[in-house]
Amino acid sequence: MSLLPPNATPLETALEETAARLSDVPVPLGALWDPATCPAELLPWLAWGVSIDFWDAAWTVEQKRAAIAGAIDAQRRKGTRASLRAVLDRFDPLIELVEWFEDSELLEPHTFRLELPLALDSEVAYDTALITALVRDISAVKPLRSHMMVVQRMHAEARAALLSGAIVAGVARLDTRADTDSALDPFWANLLQTELGEPILGAAGEYLEVA
């Protein structure tokens, strides 16, 4: 039965007939919206459909399916300390998260600090690309009112020699391990920022640099 009026044009009639034929084509919507059964080549579109925050084309198919399956739970926890911790653990479980109420002397309200571990404690190589990815992913899940600072820890070694008069009476070497915090000022000092001091992402997901 046609829903077109008697004065329908041939084009409108043809479109209605085509739509009727297409409706007979089986479309497995249930399978397409299930991360476990969706074809691998369609997973990026499924990830977009569930508004996933993190996606890496280099992931294995299993990792992509797991990320999509956890998207709803991740959205529920978004903006919480748990969501920040989950992101940090993907990069390095040794990264410390310090919120403003845990260090009220150095941090302003609604700010937090990421402390990268000492190089001799972690096997992760913190280069520019990794820190950029870390800042990008944390920016995606942190509370909008919260602002972050990335801090790199350094290892300082102190040595002292004890001399007595002109004759060396003895030498004592004191190796002390001192952790000092060196702010990356913050890391995005050369990037375009919002009025709140957050880095600005471009349409392609890259940070916009100051010209």
N, C-alpha and C. Protein backbone atom coordinates (compact mmCIF):
# COMPACT_ATOMS: atom_id res chain seq x y z
N MET A 1 0.84 -1.19 0.00
CA MET A 1 0.00 0.00 0.00
C MET A 1 0.88 1.24 0.00
N SER A 2 0.60 2.13 -0.93
CA SER A 2 1.40 3.34 -1.07
C SER A 2 0.85 4.45 -0.19
N LEU A 3 1.77 5.23 0.38
CA LEU A 3 1.39 6.39 1.19
C LEU A 3 1.49 7.68 0.39
N LEU A 4 1.87 7.57 -0.88
CA LEU A 4 2.03 8.76 -1.71
C LEU A 4 0.68 9.26 -2.20
N PRO A 5 0.56 10.54 -2.42
CA PRO A 5 -0.70 11.10 -2.97
C PRO A 5 -0.85 10.73 -4.44
N PRO A 6 -2.05 10.88 -4.97
CA PRO A 6 -2.29 10.52 -6.38
C PRO A 6 -1.41 11.29 -7.36
N ASN A 7 -1.00 12.50 -7.00
CA ASN A 7 -0.20 13.31 -7.93
C ASN A 7 1.29 13.13 -7.70
N ALA A 8 1.71 12.01 -7.09
CA ALA A 8 3.14 11.77 -6.84
C ALA A 8 3.90 11.70 -8.15
N THR A 9 5.10 12.21 -8.15
CA THR A 9 5.95 12.22 -9.34
C THR A 9 6.56 10.83 -9.54
N PRO A 10 7.02 10.53 -10.75
CA PRO A 10 7.69 9.24 -10.98
C PRO A 10 8.89 9.03 -10.05
N LEU A 11 9.61 10.12 -9.76
CA LEU A 11 10.78 10.00 -8.87
C LEU A 11 10.35 9.58 -7.46
N GLU A 12 9.30 10.19 -6.95
CA GLU A 12 8.81 9.85 -5.62
C GLU A 12 8.32 8.40 -5.57
N THR A 13 7.68 7.98 -6.63
CA THR A 13 7.21 6.59 -6.69
C THR A 13 8.37 5.62 -6.71
N ALA A 14 9.40 5.97 -7.49
CA ALA A 14 10.58 5.10 -7.58
C ALA A 14 11.30 5.03 -6.24
N LEU A 15 11.38 6.15 -5.53
CA LEU A 15 12.03 6.16 -4.22
C LEU A 15 11.27 5.30 -3.21
N GLU A 16 9.95 5.35 -3.29
CA GLU A 16 9.14 4.53 -2.38
C GLU A 16 9.35 3.05 -2.66
N GLU A 17 9.40 2.69 -3.95
CA GLU A 17 9.60 1.29 -4.31
C GLU A 17 10.98 0.81 -3.89
N THR A 18 11.98 1.67 -4.04
CA THR A 18 13.34 1.31 -3.63
C THR A 18 13.42 1.11 -2.12
N ALA A 19 12.79 2.02 -1.36
CA ALA A 19 12.79 1.91 0.10
C ALA A 19 12.11 0.62 0.54
N ALA A 20 11.07 0.21 -0.17
CA ALA A 20 10.37 -1.02 0.18
C ALA A 20 11.26 -2.23 -0.02
N ARG A 21 12.05 -2.21 -1.13
CA ARG A 21 12.95 -3.32 -1.38
C ARG A 21 14.08 -3.36 -0.35
N LEU A 22 14.59 -2.16 0.03
CA LEU A 22 15.69 -2.11 1.00
C LEU A 22 15.25 -2.60 2.37
N SER A 23 13.98 -2.39 2.69
CA SER A 23 13.50 -2.83 4.01
C SER A 23 13.51 -4.34 4.14
N ASP A 24 13.58 -5.04 3.00
CA ASP A 24 13.62 -6.51 3.04
C ASP A 24 15.04 -7.04 3.24
N VAL A 25 16.03 -6.15 3.13
CA VAL A 25 17.42 -6.57 3.31
C VAL A 25 17.69 -6.75 4.80
N PRO A 26 18.13 -7.93 5.24
CA PRO A 26 18.38 -8.15 6.67
C PRO A 26 19.58 -7.34 7.16
N VAL A 27 19.39 -6.58 8.25
CA VAL A 27 20.47 -5.80 8.85
C VAL A 27 20.62 -6.24 10.30
N PRO A 28 21.74 -6.89 10.64
CA PRO A 28 21.93 -7.41 12.01
C PRO A 28 22.30 -6.30 12.99
N LEU A 29 21.32 -5.44 13.32
CA LEU A 29 21.61 -4.31 14.20
C LEU A 29 22.13 -4.76 15.56
N GLY A 30 21.57 -5.84 16.08
CA GLY A 30 22.01 -6.32 17.38
C GLY A 30 23.48 -6.68 17.39
N ALA A 31 23.92 -7.35 16.33
CA ALA A 31 25.32 -7.76 16.24
C ALA A 31 26.23 -6.55 16.02
N LEU A 32 25.75 -5.56 15.27
CA LEU A 32 26.57 -4.40 14.98
C LEU A 32 26.80 -3.54 16.22
N TRP A 33 25.84 -3.51 17.13
CA TRP A 33 25.96 -2.70 18.34
C TRP A 33 26.57 -3.47 19.51
N ASP A 34 26.97 -4.71 19.27
CA ASP A 34 27.59 -5.52 20.31
C ASP A 34 29.09 -5.55 20.05
N PRO A 35 29.92 -5.04 20.99
CA PRO A 35 31.38 -5.02 20.75
C PRO A 35 31.98 -6.41 20.58
N ALA A 36 31.30 -7.42 21.07
CA ALA A 36 31.84 -8.78 20.95
C ALA A 36 31.59 -9.38 19.57
N THR A 37 30.56 -8.91 18.86
CA THR A 37 30.20 -9.50 17.57
C THR A 37 30.32 -8.51 16.40
N CYS A 38 30.54 -7.26 16.69
CA CYS A 38 30.67 -6.27 15.61
C CYS A 38 31.90 -6.60 14.76
N PRO A 39 31.79 -6.54 13.43
CA PRO A 39 32.95 -6.79 12.58
C PRO A 39 34.10 -5.85 12.93
N ALA A 40 35.31 -6.36 12.89
CA ALA A 40 36.48 -5.60 13.33
C ALA A 40 36.63 -4.28 12.57
N GLU A 41 36.30 -4.28 11.28
CA GLU A 41 36.48 -3.07 10.48
C GLU A 41 35.48 -1.98 10.84
N LEU A 42 34.40 -2.35 11.56
CA LEU A 42 33.39 -1.37 11.96
C LEU A 42 33.54 -0.91 13.41
N LEU A 43 34.53 -1.43 14.13
CA LEU A 43 34.71 -1.06 15.52
C LEU A 43 34.95 0.43 15.74
N PRO A 44 35.71 1.12 14.87
CA PRO A 44 35.88 2.57 15.08
C PRO A 44 34.56 3.33 15.07
N TRP A 45 33.63 2.93 14.21
CA TRP A 45 32.33 3.61 14.16
C TRP A 45 31.49 3.26 15.39
N LEU A 46 31.60 2.04 15.87
CA LEU A 46 30.89 1.66 17.10
C LEU A 46 31.46 2.45 18.28
N ALA A 47 32.78 2.63 18.31
CA ALA A 47 33.41 3.41 19.38
C ALA A 47 32.90 4.85 19.35
N TRP A 48 32.77 5.41 18.16
CA TRP A 48 32.23 6.77 18.03
C TRP A 48 30.78 6.81 18.49
N GLY A 49 30.03 5.76 18.19
CA GLY A 49 28.62 5.73 18.55
C GLY A 49 28.38 5.69 20.05
N VAL A 50 29.32 5.13 20.80
CA VAL A 50 29.16 5.06 22.26
C VAL A 50 29.98 6.15 22.96
N SER A 51 30.50 7.10 22.18
CA SER A 51 31.23 8.26 22.72
C SER A 51 32.41 7.84 23.59
N ILE A 52 33.24 6.95 23.06
CA ILE A 52 34.40 6.50 23.81
C ILE A 52 35.43 7.63 23.89
N ASP A 53 36.09 7.77 25.05
CA ASP A 53 37.03 8.86 25.26
C ASP A 53 38.41 8.57 24.67
N PHE A 54 38.84 7.31 24.70
CA PHE A 54 40.18 6.96 24.25
C PHE A 54 40.10 5.91 23.15
N TRP A 55 40.85 6.15 22.10
CA TRP A 55 40.86 5.20 20.99
C TRP A 55 42.22 5.26 20.31
N ASP A 56 42.78 4.10 20.06
CA ASP A 56 44.08 4.01 19.42
C ASP A 56 43.97 2.99 18.29
N ALA A 57 44.20 3.45 17.07
CA ALA A 57 44.09 2.55 15.92
C ALA A 57 45.11 1.43 15.99
N ALA A 58 46.18 1.61 16.80
CA ALA A 58 47.21 0.58 16.91
C ALA A 58 46.84 -0.53 17.89
N TRP A 59 45.74 -0.37 18.62
CA TRP A 59 45.31 -1.42 19.54
C TRP A 59 44.99 -2.70 18.78
N THR A 60 45.08 -3.82 19.49
CA THR A 60 44.63 -5.09 18.92
C THR A 60 43.10 -5.09 18.88
N VAL A 61 42.53 -6.00 18.13
CA VAL A 61 41.07 -6.10 18.04
C VAL A 61 40.48 -6.38 19.42
N GLU A 62 41.17 -7.22 20.19
CA GLU A 62 40.68 -7.54 21.54
C GLU A 62 40.68 -6.30 22.42
N GLN A 63 41.71 -5.46 22.34
CA GLN A 63 41.76 -4.24 23.13
C GLN A 63 40.66 -3.27 22.71
N LYS A 64 40.39 -3.19 21.42
CA LYS A 64 39.33 -2.30 20.94
C LYS A 64 37.97 -2.76 21.45
N ARG A 65 37.73 -4.06 21.40
CA ARG A 65 36.43 -4.57 21.88
C ARG A 65 36.29 -4.32 23.38
N ALA A 66 37.37 -4.52 24.13
CA ALA A 66 37.31 -4.31 25.58
C ALA A 66 37.07 -2.84 25.91
N ALA A 67 37.69 -1.94 25.15
CA ALA A 67 37.51 -0.50 25.39
C ALA A 67 36.06 -0.10 25.14
N ILE A 68 35.47 -0.62 24.07
CA ILE A 68 34.07 -0.29 23.76
C ILE A 68 33.14 -0.88 24.81
N ALA A 69 33.42 -2.10 25.23
CA ALA A 69 32.56 -2.76 26.23
C ALA A 69 32.57 -2.00 27.55
N GLY A 70 33.68 -1.33 27.86
CA GLY A 70 33.77 -0.60 29.12
C GLY A 70 33.42 0.87 29.00
N ALA A 71 32.91 1.29 27.85
CA ALA A 71 32.65 2.72 27.62
C ALA A 71 31.58 3.28 28.56
N ILE A 72 30.50 2.53 28.77
CA ILE A 72 29.42 3.04 29.62
C ILE A 72 29.90 3.18 31.06
N ASP A 73 30.60 2.18 31.55
CA ASP A 73 31.13 2.26 32.92
C ASP A 73 32.12 3.41 33.05
N ALA A 74 32.94 3.62 32.01
CA ALA A 74 33.91 4.72 32.04
C ALA A 74 33.20 6.07 32.09
N GLN A 75 32.10 6.21 31.37
CA GLN A 75 31.36 7.47 31.40
C GLN A 75 30.73 7.71 32.77
N ARG A 76 30.34 6.66 33.45
CA ARG A 76 29.77 6.80 34.79
C ARG A 76 30.81 7.32 35.78
N ARG A 77 32.08 6.90 35.59
CA ARG A 77 33.14 7.27 36.52
C ARG A 77 33.89 8.53 36.08
N LYS A 78 33.53 9.06 34.93
CA LYS A 78 34.25 10.21 34.38
C LYS A 78 34.21 11.40 35.34
N GLY A 79 35.36 12.01 35.55
CA GLY A 79 35.45 13.15 36.44
C GLY A 79 35.80 12.78 37.87
N THR A 80 35.92 11.49 38.16
CA THR A 80 36.26 11.05 39.50
C THR A 80 37.74 10.71 39.59
N ARG A 81 38.23 10.55 40.81
CA ARG A 81 39.62 10.16 41.01
C ARG A 81 39.88 8.79 40.38
N ALA A 82 38.88 7.91 40.45
CA ALA A 82 39.03 6.57 39.87
C ALA A 82 39.29 6.64 38.37
N SER A 83 38.61 7.56 37.68
CA SER A 83 38.81 7.68 36.23
C SER A 83 40.20 8.22 35.93
N LEU A 84 40.70 9.16 36.75
CA LEU A 84 42.06 9.66 36.57
C LEU A 84 43.07 8.55 36.81
N ARG A 85 42.84 7.77 37.86
CA ARG A 85 43.76 6.69 38.20
C ARG A 85 43.81 5.64 37.09
N ALA A 86 42.68 5.36 36.49
CA ALA A 86 42.63 4.38 35.41
C ALA A 86 43.48 4.83 34.22
N VAL A 87 43.42 6.12 33.91
CA VAL A 87 44.23 6.65 32.81
C VAL A 87 45.72 6.57 33.16
N LEU A 88 46.07 6.99 34.36
CA LEU A 88 47.47 6.97 34.77
C LEU A 88 48.04 5.56 34.74
N ASP A 89 47.25 4.59 35.19
CA ASP A 89 47.73 3.22 35.23
C ASP A 89 47.99 2.66 33.84
N ARG A 90 47.29 3.16 32.85
CA ARG A 90 47.55 2.71 31.48
C ARG A 90 48.94 3.15 31.02
N PHE A 91 49.39 4.28 31.52
CA PHE A 91 50.72 4.78 31.13
C PHE A 91 51.80 4.23 32.07
N ASP A 92 51.58 4.37 33.36
CA ASP A 92 52.58 3.94 34.35
C ASP A 92 51.92 3.96 35.73
N PRO A 93 51.76 2.79 36.38
CA PRO A 93 51.14 2.76 37.71
C PRO A 93 51.93 3.55 38.76
N LEU A 94 53.18 3.90 38.45
CA LEU A 94 54.01 4.61 39.43
C LEU A 94 53.77 6.13 39.41
N ILE A 95 52.98 6.62 38.46
CA ILE A 95 52.65 8.05 38.46
C ILE A 95 51.78 8.35 39.67
N GLU A 96 52.15 9.36 40.43
CA GLU A 96 51.38 9.71 41.62
C GLU A 96 50.42 10.86 41.31
N LEU A 97 49.23 10.77 41.88
CA LEU A 97 48.21 11.80 41.73
C LEU A 97 48.03 12.49 43.08
N VAL A 98 48.31 13.79 43.12
CA VAL A 98 48.19 14.56 44.35
C VAL A 98 47.15 15.65 44.13
N GLU A 99 46.05 15.58 44.88
CA GLU A 99 45.00 16.59 44.75
C GLU A 99 45.24 17.74 45.72
N TRP A 100 44.57 18.86 45.46
CA TRP A 100 44.86 20.08 46.20
C TRP A 100 44.66 19.94 47.70
N PHE A 101 43.69 19.16 48.13
CA PHE A 101 43.45 19.01 49.56
C PHE A 101 44.47 18.09 50.23
N GLU A 102 45.27 17.40 49.41
CA GLU A 102 46.35 16.57 49.95
C GLU A 102 47.65 17.34 50.09
N ASP A 103 47.73 18.49 49.45
CA ASP A 103 48.91 19.36 49.54
C ASP A 103 48.45 20.81 49.44
N SER A 104 47.69 21.23 50.44
CA SER A 104 47.08 22.56 50.41
C SER A 104 48.10 23.69 50.48
N GLU A 105 49.33 23.39 50.89
CA GLU A 105 50.35 24.43 50.98
C GLU A 105 50.86 24.84 49.60
N LEU A 106 50.89 23.90 48.67
CA LEU A 106 51.45 24.18 47.35
C LEU A 106 50.41 24.24 46.24
N LEU A 107 49.26 23.65 46.46
CA LEU A 107 48.26 23.59 45.40
C LEU A 107 47.05 24.45 45.73
N GLU A 108 46.57 25.15 44.71
CA GLU A 108 45.37 25.95 44.85
C GLU A 108 44.14 25.04 44.83
N PRO A 109 43.01 25.48 45.38
CA PRO A 109 41.79 24.66 45.32
C PRO A 109 41.44 24.26 43.89
N HIS A 110 40.97 23.03 43.75
CA HIS A 110 40.54 22.47 42.46
C HIS A 110 41.70 22.34 41.47
N THR A 111 42.88 22.09 41.99
CA THR A 111 44.03 21.75 41.13
C THR A 111 44.57 20.41 41.60
N PHE A 112 45.35 19.79 40.74
CA PHE A 112 46.00 18.54 41.14
C PHE A 112 47.33 18.43 40.40
N ARG A 113 48.19 17.59 40.93
CA ARG A 113 49.55 17.45 40.39
C ARG A 113 49.80 15.99 40.01
N LEU A 114 50.39 15.80 38.85
CA LEU A 114 50.84 14.47 38.42
C LEU A 114 52.34 14.40 38.62
N GLU A 115 52.80 13.48 39.43
CA GLU A 115 54.22 13.32 39.72
C GLU A 115 54.75 12.12 38.96
N LEU A 116 55.56 12.38 37.93
CA LEU A 116 56.16 11.30 37.17
C LEU A 116 57.28 10.67 37.99
N PRO A 117 57.43 9.35 37.95
CA PRO A 117 58.42 8.68 38.79
C PRO A 117 59.85 8.95 38.34
N LEU A 118 60.80 8.63 39.23
CA LEU A 118 62.22 8.72 38.89
C LEU A 118 62.54 7.73 37.78
N ALA A 119 63.49 8.09 36.94
CA ALA A 119 63.86 7.23 35.82
C ALA A 119 64.36 5.87 36.29
N LEU A 120 65.03 5.82 37.44
CA LEU A 120 65.57 4.54 37.91
C LEU A 120 64.50 3.68 38.58
N ASP A 121 63.31 4.24 38.80
CA ASP A 121 62.23 3.47 39.40
C ASP A 121 61.26 2.91 38.37
N SER A 122 61.21 3.51 37.20
CA SER A 122 60.22 3.13 36.20
C SER A 122 60.89 2.73 34.89
N GLU A 123 60.29 1.77 34.21
CA GLU A 123 60.79 1.33 32.91
C GLU A 123 60.20 2.15 31.77
N VAL A 124 59.29 3.05 32.10
CA VAL A 124 58.64 3.87 31.08
C VAL A 124 59.54 5.04 30.69
N ALA A 125 59.73 5.25 29.40
CA ALA A 125 60.54 6.37 28.90
C ALA A 125 59.62 7.56 28.67
N TYR A 126 59.80 8.60 29.47
CA TYR A 126 58.92 9.77 29.37
C TYR A 126 59.47 10.76 28.35
N ASP A 127 59.08 10.57 27.10
CA ASP A 127 59.48 11.52 26.07
C ASP A 127 58.31 12.47 25.80
N THR A 128 58.52 13.40 24.87
CA THR A 128 57.51 14.41 24.59
C THR A 128 56.20 13.78 24.11
N ALA A 129 56.30 12.77 23.27
CA ALA A 129 55.09 12.13 22.73
C ALA A 129 54.27 11.48 23.82
N LEU A 130 54.95 10.81 24.76
CA LEU A 130 54.21 10.12 25.82
C LEU A 130 53.55 11.12 26.76
N ILE A 131 54.26 12.18 27.12
CA ILE A 131 53.68 13.16 28.04
C ILE A 131 52.52 13.89 27.37
N THR A 132 52.64 14.16 26.06
CA THR A 132 51.53 14.78 25.33
C THR A 132 50.31 13.88 25.37
N ALA A 133 50.50 12.58 25.17
CA ALA A 133 49.37 11.64 25.21
C ALA A 133 48.79 11.56 26.62
N LEU A 134 49.67 11.61 27.63
CA LEU A 134 49.20 11.56 29.02
C LEU A 134 48.34 12.77 29.35
N VAL A 135 48.82 13.96 28.99
CA VAL A 135 48.06 15.18 29.25
C VAL A 135 46.74 15.17 28.48
N ARG A 136 46.77 14.70 27.24
CA ARG A 136 45.55 14.66 26.42
C ARG A 136 44.50 13.76 27.05
N ASP A 137 44.92 12.56 27.49
CA ASP A 137 43.95 11.61 28.03
C ASP A 137 43.44 12.04 29.40
N ILE A 138 44.30 12.64 30.21
CA ILE A 138 43.84 13.14 31.50
C ILE A 138 42.86 14.29 31.30
N SER A 139 43.13 15.15 30.31
CA SER A 139 42.22 16.27 30.03
C SER A 139 40.84 15.79 29.64
N ALA A 140 40.76 14.59 29.06
CA ALA A 140 39.47 14.07 28.59
C ALA A 140 38.59 13.58 29.73
N VAL A 141 39.18 13.22 30.89
CA VAL A 141 38.37 12.63 31.97
C VAL A 141 38.36 13.45 33.25
N LYS A 142 39.22 14.44 33.37
CA LYS A 142 39.27 15.20 34.62
C LYS A 142 38.03 16.09 34.75
N PRO A 143 37.70 16.49 35.99
CA PRO A 143 36.60 17.44 36.17
C PRO A 143 36.90 18.75 35.45
N LEU A 144 35.91 19.36 34.85
CA LEU A 144 36.13 20.57 34.06
C LEU A 144 36.70 21.71 34.90
N ARG A 145 36.33 21.76 36.17
CA ARG A 145 36.80 22.86 37.00
C ARG A 145 38.21 22.63 37.55
N SER A 146 38.73 21.42 37.38
CA SER A 146 40.04 21.10 37.93
C SER A 146 41.14 21.34 36.90
N HIS A 147 42.27 21.84 37.37
CA HIS A 147 43.41 22.13 36.51
C HIS A 147 44.62 21.37 37.02
N MET A 148 45.46 20.95 36.09
CA MET A 148 46.55 20.06 36.45
C MET A 148 47.91 20.67 36.22
N MET A 149 48.87 20.12 36.93
CA MET A 149 50.28 20.43 36.71
C MET A 149 51.02 19.11 36.61
N VAL A 150 51.90 19.00 35.62
CA VAL A 150 52.72 17.80 35.45
C VAL A 150 54.08 18.09 36.05
N VAL A 151 54.54 17.20 36.91
CA VAL A 151 55.80 17.40 37.62
C VAL A 151 56.72 16.22 37.36
N GLN A 152 57.96 16.50 37.05
CA GLN A 152 58.96 15.47 36.81
C GLN A 152 59.87 15.39 38.01
N ARG A 153 60.03 14.20 38.55
CA ARG A 153 60.95 14.03 39.65
C ARG A 153 62.36 13.84 39.13
N MET A 154 63.33 14.34 39.90
CA MET A 154 64.74 14.20 39.52
C MET A 154 65.49 13.56 40.66
N HIS A 155 66.62 12.93 40.34
CA HIS A 155 67.45 12.27 41.33
C HIS A 155 68.70 13.11 41.56
N ALA A 156 68.92 13.50 42.80
CA ALA A 156 70.09 14.31 43.14
C ALA A 156 71.02 13.48 44.01
N GLU A 157 72.32 13.46 43.67
CA GLU A 157 73.30 12.69 44.42
C GLU A 157 74.30 13.64 45.05
N ALA A 158 74.45 13.55 46.36
CA ALA A 158 75.37 14.43 47.08
C ALA A 158 76.57 13.63 47.55
N ARG A 159 77.77 14.20 47.37
CA ARG A 159 78.99 13.54 47.80
C ARG A 159 79.82 14.51 48.63
N ALA A 160 80.46 14.01 49.67
CA ALA A 160 81.29 14.86 50.52
C ALA A 160 82.57 14.12 50.87
N ALA A 161 83.66 14.83 50.84
CA ALA A 161 84.95 14.25 51.21
C ALA A 161 85.44 14.95 52.47
N LEU A 162 85.86 14.18 53.44
CA LEU A 162 86.33 14.72 54.70
C LEU A 162 87.87 14.74 54.69
N LEU A 163 88.44 15.93 54.83
CA LEU A 163 89.88 16.08 54.82
C LEU A 163 90.33 16.62 56.18
N SER A 164 91.51 16.25 56.59
CA SER A 164 92.06 16.74 57.86
C SER A 164 93.41 17.38 57.58
N GLY A 165 93.47 18.73 57.67
CA GLY A 165 94.71 19.47 57.40
C GLY A 165 95.15 19.25 55.98
N ALA A 166 96.44 19.11 55.77
CA ALA A 166 96.99 18.88 54.45
C ALA A 166 97.05 17.42 54.12
N ILE A 167 96.80 16.59 55.15
CA ILE A 167 96.89 15.15 54.95
C ILE A 167 95.47 14.57 54.92
N VAL A 168 95.23 13.72 53.97
CA VAL A 168 93.92 13.09 53.89
C VAL A 168 93.81 12.06 55.00
N ALA A 169 93.00 12.38 55.98
CA ALA A 169 92.82 11.46 57.09
C ALA A 169 91.81 10.39 56.75
N GLY A 170 90.91 10.72 55.91
CA GLY A 170 89.91 9.73 55.52
C GLY A 170 88.95 10.33 54.51
N VAL A 171 88.32 9.54 53.75
CA VAL A 171 87.36 10.00 52.76
C VAL A 171 86.05 9.25 52.98
N ALA A 172 85.01 10.00 53.12
CA ALA A 172 83.68 9.39 53.28
C ALA A 172 82.81 9.89 52.15
N ARG A 173 82.20 9.00 51.42
CA ARG A 173 81.31 9.39 50.33
C ARG A 173 79.88 9.19 50.78
N LEU A 174 79.15 10.25 50.73
CA LEU A 174 77.76 10.20 51.16
C LEU A 174 76.86 10.26 49.93
N ASP A 175 76.23 9.17 49.64
CA ASP A 175 75.29 9.12 48.52
C ASP A 175 73.89 9.25 49.08
N THR A 176 73.26 10.35 48.85
CA THR A 176 71.90 10.54 49.33
C THR A 176 70.97 10.68 48.15
N ARG A 177 69.84 10.11 48.27
CA ARG A 177 68.85 10.14 47.20
C ARG A 177 67.82 11.19 47.56
N ALA A 178 67.82 12.26 46.83
CA ALA A 178 66.90 13.36 47.13
C ALA A 178 65.94 13.52 45.96
N ASP A 179 64.68 13.43 46.25
CA ASP A 179 63.66 13.65 45.23
C ASP A 179 63.30 15.12 45.19
N THR A 180 63.50 15.74 44.08
CA THR A 180 63.11 17.14 43.93
C THR A 180 62.10 17.24 42.81
N ASP A 181 61.14 18.08 42.99
CA ASP A 181 60.07 18.24 41.99
C ASP A 181 60.41 19.37 41.05
N SER A 182 60.39 19.07 39.76
CA SER A 182 60.65 20.09 38.75
C SER A 182 59.42 20.22 37.87
N ALA A 183 58.68 21.29 38.04
CA ALA A 183 57.47 21.49 37.26
C ALA A 183 57.83 21.69 35.80
N LEU A 184 57.02 21.14 34.93
CA LEU A 184 57.25 21.30 33.49
C LEU A 184 56.68 22.61 32.99
N ASP A 185 56.24 23.45 33.84
CA ASP A 185 56.04 24.91 33.73
C ASP A 185 54.84 25.42 32.96
N PRO A 186 53.67 24.88 32.94
CA PRO A 186 53.49 23.44 32.89
C PRO A 186 53.97 22.92 31.54
N PHE A 187 53.68 21.68 31.23
CA PHE A 187 54.22 21.07 30.02
C PHE A 187 53.79 21.82 28.75
N TRP A 188 52.60 22.40 28.80
CA TRP A 188 52.03 23.03 27.59
C TRP A 188 52.29 24.53 27.55
N ALA A 189 53.42 24.99 28.12
CA ALA A 189 53.70 26.43 28.17
C ALA A 189 53.74 27.05 26.78
N ASN A 190 54.13 26.29 25.77
CA ASN A 190 54.22 26.82 24.41
C ASN A 190 52.99 26.49 23.57
N LEU A 191 51.92 26.09 24.23
CA LEU A 191 50.70 25.74 23.52
C LEU A 191 49.64 26.80 23.74
N LEU A 192 48.73 26.91 22.78
CA LEU A 192 47.61 27.81 22.95
C LEU A 192 46.74 27.30 24.11
N GLN A 193 46.25 28.22 24.92
CA GLN A 193 45.51 27.83 26.11
C GLN A 193 44.20 28.60 26.20
N THR A 194 43.27 28.01 26.93
CA THR A 194 42.02 28.70 27.21
C THR A 194 42.28 29.74 28.29
N GLU A 195 41.27 30.54 28.61
CA GLU A 195 41.43 31.55 29.64
C GLU A 195 41.65 30.93 31.02
N LEU A 196 41.36 29.62 31.14
CA LEU A 196 41.59 28.92 32.39
C LEU A 196 42.93 28.21 32.43
N GLY A 197 43.72 28.37 31.35
CA GLY A 197 45.06 27.79 31.34
C GLY A 197 45.14 26.37 30.85
N GLU A 198 44.08 25.86 30.21
CA GLU A 198 44.10 24.50 29.69
C GLU A 198 44.57 24.50 28.24
N PRO A 199 45.32 23.45 27.82
CA PRO A 199 45.76 23.37 26.42
C PRO A 199 44.56 23.18 25.50
N ILE A 200 44.66 23.73 24.27
CA ILE A 200 43.56 23.66 23.31
C ILE A 200 43.87 22.59 22.28
N LEU A 201 42.92 21.67 22.10
CA LEU A 201 43.07 20.60 21.12
C LEU A 201 42.49 21.05 19.79
N GLY A 202 43.19 20.69 18.70
CA GLY A 202 42.70 20.97 17.37
C GLY A 202 41.71 19.91 16.92
N ALA A 203 41.15 20.09 15.74
CA ALA A 203 40.14 19.16 15.24
C ALA A 203 40.71 17.75 15.04
N ALA A 204 42.01 17.66 14.75
CA ALA A 204 42.64 16.36 14.51
C ALA A 204 43.16 15.73 15.79
N GLY A 205 42.89 16.35 16.94
CA GLY A 205 43.33 15.80 18.22
C GLY A 205 44.71 16.23 18.65
N GLU A 206 45.34 17.17 17.92
CA GLU A 206 46.67 17.64 18.29
C GLU A 206 46.56 18.95 19.05
N TYR A 207 47.56 19.23 19.89
CA TYR A 207 47.56 20.47 20.62
C TYR A 207 48.01 21.62 19.70
N LEU A 208 47.36 22.77 19.83
CA LEU A 208 47.67 23.92 19.00
C LEU A 208 48.80 24.71 19.65
N GLU A 209 49.87 24.96 18.88
CA GLU A 209 51.03 25.65 19.40
C GLU A 209 50.96 27.14 19.12
N VAL A 210 51.66 27.89 19.98
CA VAL A 210 51.76 29.32 19.78
C VAL A 210 52.58 29.59 18.52
N ALA A 211 52.07 30.43 17.63
CA ALA A 211 52.78 30.70 16.37
C ALA A 211 54.08 31.47 16.63
